[in-house]
Amino acid sequence: MQAEFGFNEHHQNEVINYMRFARSKRALRLKTIDSCFQDLKESRLVEETFTADEVTEMLEGLRVVVRGEVETELINTAHTNVLLLRQLFSQAEKFYLRLQTDISELENRELLEQVAEFEKAEFKSSGRKANQETSKPKLAPLNEAGVSELLNKEISRLQEENDKLKSRLRSLTLYAAFDEHPLPSPSIQRALHSQEISSLEDTVAALQADFQKSLSDSTASQKNLQDNLVEAKHELLRVQEQLALTEKELEKKFQQTAAYRNMKEMLSKKNEQIKEIRKRLQKYEPDE
């Protein structure tokens, strides 16, 4: 599998786990379809002869049931694949990656045949694979601190490798003391050892610097967003205040215009006329 698709051992195990899941779902659905035929035989095929209409009715009923089972499985498979892509995309987005897919490759007959051959070879011994399944570790999902966690793991791994190299160098030095071939001078050994250790320490320091830079960039970006938010709120308040002042100025200017004064005078006259009409009406209203 690794030679054909370029997977490392971990991703190859993930592919095998997915194939195992798909095989179990496929086997379950095939059993369901078999049971549809078995139910028809046991419930309907109890007589020796049937009319053409009866056979047509039985076949139509069987077609509906089998079609429903196949459609359900196809829909479930599509949704399952979407959930699988969701897991991969979610992990990629934690590292600000944008994955791309080539839908045309899903119908590549050559690759499909390679997958079929791999599945056939991988699951030819179900008992052996079942035992291996219980011992394989599961992929742990990335947590919220995905970047920092991976960097810390890489730093720890390099530090452990550094310690192992130091121990190996000490062992080689002791072994060489009993070897018949002369060792290089101590100064040359120390220089070689120091160079390898210095290279590893530089790598660790570079990773630590990148980690600190990513944290600093994240903090600066958050502060920049907060500053922009505060500035936007201040700008909103300033615009609202200017709008209120503008409305007051417009209202004041309108009150000073001749049209406003004429309108106000007309309203006053109308009010007086209404009062006069009400007084006249009161004279003609009968006393209760």
Protein backbone atom coordinates (compact mmCIF):
# COMPACT_ATOMS: atom_id res chain seq x y z
CA MET A 1 0.00 0.00 0.00
CA GLN A 2 2.78 2.39 0.85
CA ALA A 3 4.53 1.78 -2.47
CA GLU A 4 1.30 2.24 -4.45
CA PHE A 5 -0.26 5.25 -2.71
CA GLY A 6 2.63 6.84 -0.81
CA PHE A 7 1.08 6.38 2.66
CA ASN A 8 3.14 6.14 5.80
CA GLU A 9 2.44 3.35 8.28
CA HIS A 10 0.05 5.41 10.39
CA HIS A 11 -2.11 6.50 7.44
CA GLN A 12 -2.07 2.98 6.03
CA ASN A 13 -3.56 1.76 9.32
CA GLU A 14 -6.24 4.45 9.09
CA VAL A 15 -7.15 3.26 5.57
CA ILE A 16 -7.33 -0.32 6.79
CA ASN A 17 -9.61 0.69 9.67
CA TYR A 18 -11.95 2.49 7.27
CA MET A 19 -12.01 -0.50 4.92
CA ARG A 20 -12.83 -2.75 7.85
CA PHE A 21 -15.71 -0.46 8.80
CA ALA A 22 -17.00 -0.37 5.20
CA ARG A 23 -16.79 -4.17 4.89
CA SER A 24 -18.82 -4.68 8.05
CA LYS A 25 -21.52 -2.26 6.84
CA ARG A 26 -21.58 -3.94 3.42
CA ALA A 27 -21.90 -7.42 4.92
CA LEU A 28 -24.74 -6.27 7.17
CA ARG A 29 -26.66 -4.76 4.25
CA LEU A 30 -26.19 -7.91 2.13
CA LYS A 31 -27.62 -9.99 4.97
CA THR A 32 -30.61 -7.67 5.05
CA ILE A 33 -31.20 -8.14 1.32
CA ASP A 34 -30.89 -11.91 1.70
CA SER A 35 -33.49 -11.80 4.44
CA CYS A 36 -35.88 -9.95 2.09
CA PHE A 37 -35.80 -12.88 -0.33
CA GLN A 38 -36.05 -15.37 2.49
CA ASP A 39 -39.11 -13.61 3.93
CA LEU A 40 -40.77 -13.70 0.50
CA LYS A 41 -40.17 -17.42 0.14
CA GLU A 42 -41.45 -18.21 3.61
CA SER A 43 -44.50 -15.93 3.55
CA ARG A 44 -45.72 -16.10 -0.07
CA LEU A 45 -44.26 -19.15 -1.79
CA VAL A 46 -46.46 -21.64 0.07
CA GLU A 47 -48.48 -22.85 -2.91
CA GLU A 48 -47.40 -24.95 -5.86
CA THR A 49 -48.88 -22.78 -8.61
CA PHE A 50 -49.34 -19.01 -9.01
CA THR A 51 -51.03 -16.86 -11.56
CA ALA A 52 -49.13 -14.27 -13.60
CA ASP A 53 -50.70 -11.45 -11.61
CA GLU A 54 -49.64 -13.02 -8.30
CA VAL A 55 -46.06 -13.45 -9.50
CA THR A 56 -46.00 -9.87 -10.77
CA GLU A 57 -47.30 -8.61 -7.42
CA MET A 58 -44.67 -10.58 -5.46
CA LEU A 59 -41.82 -9.42 -7.68
CA GLU A 60 -42.98 -5.81 -7.48
CA GLY A 61 -43.15 -5.96 -3.69
CA LEU A 62 -39.70 -7.52 -3.55
CA ARG A 63 -38.34 -4.84 -5.90
CA VAL A 64 -39.64 -2.05 -3.69
CA VAL A 65 -38.12 -3.57 -0.55
CA VAL A 66 -34.72 -4.30 -2.12
CA ARG A 67 -34.60 -0.88 -3.79
CA GLY A 68 -35.27 0.77 -0.44
CA GLU A 69 -32.50 -1.19 1.24
CA VAL A 70 -29.96 -0.36 -1.51
CA GLU A 71 -30.95 3.32 -1.58
CA THR A 72 -30.65 3.57 2.20
CA GLU A 73 -27.18 2.06 2.09
CA LEU A 74 -26.01 4.34 -0.73
CA ILE A 75 -27.28 7.43 1.10
CA ASN A 76 -25.68 6.28 4.35
CA THR A 77 -22.36 5.62 2.56
CA ALA A 78 -22.37 9.12 1.07
CA HIS A 79 -23.12 10.70 4.44
CA THR A 80 -20.45 8.56 6.11
CA ASN A 81 -17.87 9.77 3.58
CA VAL A 82 -18.87 13.37 4.30
CA LEU A 83 -18.28 12.79 8.03
CA LEU A 84 -14.87 11.29 7.23
CA LEU A 85 -13.95 14.34 5.13
CA ARG A 86 -15.21 16.55 7.95
CA GLN A 87 -12.71 14.97 10.34
CA LEU A 88 -9.83 15.50 7.92
CA PHE A 89 -10.80 19.09 7.06
CA SER A 90 -11.30 20.00 10.73
CA GLN A 91 -7.79 18.81 11.58
CA ALA A 92 -6.35 20.64 8.55
CA GLU A 93 -8.09 23.92 9.45
CA LYS A 94 -6.48 23.88 12.89
CA PHE A 95 -3.19 24.38 11.02
CA TYR A 96 -4.73 26.89 8.58
CA LEU A 97 -4.44 24.40 5.71
CA ARG A 98 -6.82 24.16 2.74
CA LEU A 99 -7.12 20.64 1.40
CA GLN A 100 -8.22 20.00 -2.17
CA THR A 101 -9.86 16.93 -3.71
CA ASP A 102 -9.94 15.66 -7.29
CA ILE A 103 -13.37 14.11 -7.85
CA SER A 104 -12.27 12.65 -11.19
CA GLU A 105 -9.79 10.40 -9.38
CA LEU A 106 -12.72 8.62 -7.70
CA GLU A 107 -13.47 6.93 -11.06
CA ASN A 108 -9.87 6.07 -11.92
CA ARG A 109 -10.20 2.39 -12.81
CA GLU A 110 -6.51 1.67 -12.31
CA LEU A 111 -6.51 3.08 -8.77
CA LEU A 112 -9.80 1.34 -7.98
CA GLU A 113 -8.30 -1.97 -9.05
CA GLN A 114 -5.27 -1.30 -6.84
CA VAL A 115 -7.56 -0.65 -3.89
CA ALA A 116 -9.48 -3.84 -4.64
CA GLU A 117 -6.26 -5.87 -4.77
CA PHE A 118 -5.07 -4.32 -1.52
CA GLU A 119 -8.36 -5.10 0.20
CA LYS A 120 -8.28 -8.66 -1.06
CA ALA A 121 -4.73 -9.19 0.17
CA GLU A 122 -5.26 -7.37 3.47
CA PHE A 123 -8.41 -9.23 4.52
CA LYS A 124 -7.71 -12.69 3.15
CA SER A 125 -7.20 -13.90 6.72
CA SER A 126 -10.05 -12.49 8.79
CA GLY A 127 -8.87 -14.09 12.00
CA ARG A 128 -5.41 -12.54 11.75
CA LYS A 129 -6.83 -9.12 10.99
CA ALA A 130 -9.29 -9.35 13.86
CA ASN A 131 -6.44 -9.97 16.28
CA GLN A 132 -4.48 -7.07 14.84
CA GLU A 133 -7.46 -4.77 15.13
CA THR A 134 -7.56 -5.03 18.91
CA SER A 135 -3.90 -4.07 19.23
CA LYS A 136 -3.83 -1.07 16.88
CA PRO A 137 -3.91 2.35 18.50
CA LYS A 138 -6.64 4.78 17.52
CA LEU A 139 -6.01 8.24 16.13
CA ALA A 140 -6.58 10.78 18.86
CA PRO A 141 -8.38 13.92 17.69
CA LEU A 142 -6.55 17.23 17.83
CA ASN A 143 -7.52 19.43 20.73
CA GLU A 144 -7.87 23.20 20.75
CA ALA A 145 -4.15 23.71 21.33
CA GLY A 146 -3.22 21.56 18.33
CA VAL A 147 -0.28 23.63 17.09
CA SER A 148 1.37 24.09 20.46
CA GLU A 149 0.84 20.44 21.39
CA LEU A 150 2.52 19.18 18.22
CA LEU A 151 5.41 21.61 18.62
CA ASN A 152 5.93 20.54 22.20
CA LYS A 153 5.88 16.88 21.14
CA GLU A 154 8.42 17.59 18.41
CA ILE A 155 10.65 19.43 20.87
CA SER A 156 10.40 16.54 23.33
CA ARG A 157 11.17 14.05 20.57
CA LEU A 158 14.29 15.96 19.50
CA GLN A 159 15.45 16.29 23.09
CA GLU A 160 15.03 12.53 23.58
CA GLU A 161 16.92 11.92 20.35
CA ASN A 162 19.64 14.25 21.58
CA ASP A 163 19.93 12.27 24.82
CA LYS A 164 20.04 8.98 22.90
CA LEU A 165 22.84 10.27 20.68
CA LYS A 166 24.83 11.38 23.71
CA SER A 167 24.40 7.93 25.27
CA ARG A 168 25.37 6.25 22.02
CA LEU A 169 28.49 8.37 21.72
CA ARG A 170 29.52 7.41 25.24
CA SER A 171 28.96 3.72 24.42
CA LEU A 172 31.00 3.98 21.23
CA THR A 173 33.81 5.64 23.12
CA LEU A 174 33.91 2.83 25.69
CA TYR A 175 33.70 0.17 22.99
CA ALA A 176 36.49 1.71 20.99
CA ALA A 177 38.81 1.49 23.97
CA PHE A 178 38.84 -2.31 23.54
CA ASP A 179 38.99 -2.27 19.75
CA GLU A 180 42.26 -2.92 18.01
CA HIS A 181 41.82 0.00 15.65
CA PRO A 182 42.92 3.32 17.02
CA LEU A 183 40.29 5.96 17.67
CA PRO A 184 40.58 9.53 16.45
CA SER A 185 42.11 11.96 18.84
CA PRO A 186 39.95 13.15 21.75
CA SER A 187 39.87 16.66 20.33
CA ILE A 188 38.47 15.38 17.01
CA GLN A 189 35.90 13.21 18.81
CA ARG A 190 34.77 16.13 20.94
CA ALA A 191 34.48 18.32 17.85
CA LEU A 192 32.35 15.74 16.00
CA HIS A 193 30.17 15.12 19.03
CA SER A 194 29.80 18.81 19.70
CA GLN A 195 28.81 19.46 16.08
CA GLU A 196 26.03 16.84 16.12
CA ILE A 197 24.72 17.97 19.50
CA SER A 198 24.88 21.61 18.46
CA SER A 199 22.87 20.84 15.33
CA LEU A 200 20.14 19.17 17.38
CA GLU A 201 20.13 21.99 19.92
CA ASP A 202 19.81 24.53 17.09
CA THR A 203 16.83 22.59 15.74
CA VAL A 204 15.17 22.57 19.15
CA ALA A 205 15.86 26.29 19.58
CA ALA A 206 14.39 27.04 16.13
CA LEU A 207 11.23 25.11 16.97
CA GLN A 208 10.91 26.92 20.27
CA ALA A 209 11.37 30.27 18.51
CA ASP A 210 8.71 29.36 15.93
CA PHE A 211 6.37 28.33 18.72
CA GLN A 212 6.90 31.60 20.60
CA LYS A 213 6.47 33.56 17.36
CA SER A 214 3.17 31.81 16.63
CA LEU A 215 1.95 32.64 20.14
CA SER A 216 3.10 36.26 19.77
CA ASP A 217 1.42 36.58 16.36
CA SER A 218 -1.78 35.15 17.79
CA THR A 219 -1.71 37.59 20.73
CA ALA A 220 -0.93 40.54 18.45
CA SER A 221 -3.72 39.56 16.08
CA GLN A 222 -6.20 39.30 18.94
CA LYS A 223 -5.12 42.70 20.31
CA ASN A 224 -5.41 44.21 16.83
CA LEU A 225 -8.95 42.88 16.51
CA GLN A 226 -9.88 44.26 19.92
CA ASP A 227 -8.43 47.67 19.03
CA ASN A 228 -10.33 47.70 15.75
CA LEU A 229 -13.54 46.79 17.58
CA VAL A 230 -13.08 49.61 20.10
CA GLU A 231 -12.27 52.07 17.32
CA ALA A 232 -15.36 50.98 15.38
CA LYS A 233 -17.55 51.48 18.47
CA HIS A 234 -16.11 54.96 19.01
CA GLU A 235 -16.70 55.82 15.36
CA LEU A 236 -20.30 54.61 15.65
CA LEU A 237 -20.93 56.80 18.69
CA ARG A 238 -19.36 59.79 16.92
CA VAL A 239 -21.54 59.30 13.85
CA GLN A 240 -24.66 58.91 16.01
CA GLU A 241 -23.82 62.11 17.85
CA GLN A 242 -23.25 63.99 14.59
CA LEU A 243 -26.54 62.65 13.25
CA ALA A 244 -28.43 63.85 16.34
CA LEU A 245 -26.84 67.33 16.05
CA THR A 246 -27.66 67.48 12.37
CA GLU A 247 -31.29 66.59 13.02
CA LYS A 248 -31.55 69.30 15.69
CA GLU A 249 -29.99 71.87 13.36
CA LEU A 250 -32.34 70.92 10.54
CA GLU A 251 -35.34 71.13 12.85
CA LYS A 252 -34.21 74.55 14.11
CA LYS A 253 -33.69 75.83 10.56
CA PHE A 254 -37.08 74.50 9.50
CA GLN A 255 -38.78 76.28 12.41
CA GLN A 256 -37.21 79.51 11.24
CA THR A 257 -38.55 79.22 7.69
CA ALA A 258 -41.67 81.04 6.44
CA ALA A 259 -43.31 77.74 5.55
CA TYR A 260 -43.06 76.53 9.15
CA ARG A 261 -44.48 79.81 10.48
CA ASN A 262 -47.34 79.74 7.99
CA MET A 263 -48.10 76.11 8.83
CA LYS A 264 -48.09 76.90 12.55
CA GLU A 265 -50.43 79.86 11.98
CA MET A 266 -52.80 77.73 9.90
CA LEU A 267 -52.90 75.08 12.62
CA SER A 268 -53.73 77.72 15.23
CA LYS A 269 -56.59 79.05 13.10
CA LYS A 270 -57.94 75.56 12.54
CA ASN A 271 -57.89 74.89 16.27
CA GLU A 272 -59.82 78.10 16.91
CA GLN A 273 -62.39 77.19 14.27
CA ILE A 274 -62.85 73.74 15.84
CA LYS A 275 -63.40 75.31 19.25
CA GLU A 276 -66.01 77.71 17.79
CA ILE A 277 -67.89 74.90 16.05
CA ARG A 278 -67.97 72.86 19.26
CA LYS A 279 -69.49 75.84 21.14
CA ARG A 280 -72.21 76.19 18.49
CA LEU A 281 -72.99 72.48 18.64
CA GLN A 282 -73.44 72.64 22.41
CA LYS A 283 -76.23 75.22 21.93
CA TYR A 284 -78.26 72.85 19.75
CA GLU A 285 -77.69 69.70 21.81
CA PRO A 286 -80.80 68.85 23.95
CA ASP A 287 -80.41 68.65 27.70
CA GLU A 288 -80.41 65.07 28.96
